[in-house]
Amino acid sequence: MNSRECFRKVMHFKHPERVPLCEFQGFDPNTIIRWHGEGLPLGMSVEDYFGFDEFERMPIDLGPIPGLMT
């Protein structure tokens, strides 16, 4: 099961083979600097190091629904 299939099953309240591991908000730059001091190799992404699933970042509007008129 690839990352997309796993994510879709979770979003449809079905039972995937595994729980998808992804981060939607990203990581604070200061945290990443600290992790480099704790052993995260320079030049390696956090996602690769921890084995996160790949997913496509899409712009999501988290504002009020319906949107405010300006």
Foldseek 3Di string as FASTA:
>chain_A
DALVVQVVCVVVVHDDPDHAFDDQPDDDPVVVVVVVVVPDPPPDDPCVVVVHHDDDHDDDDPDDVPDDDD
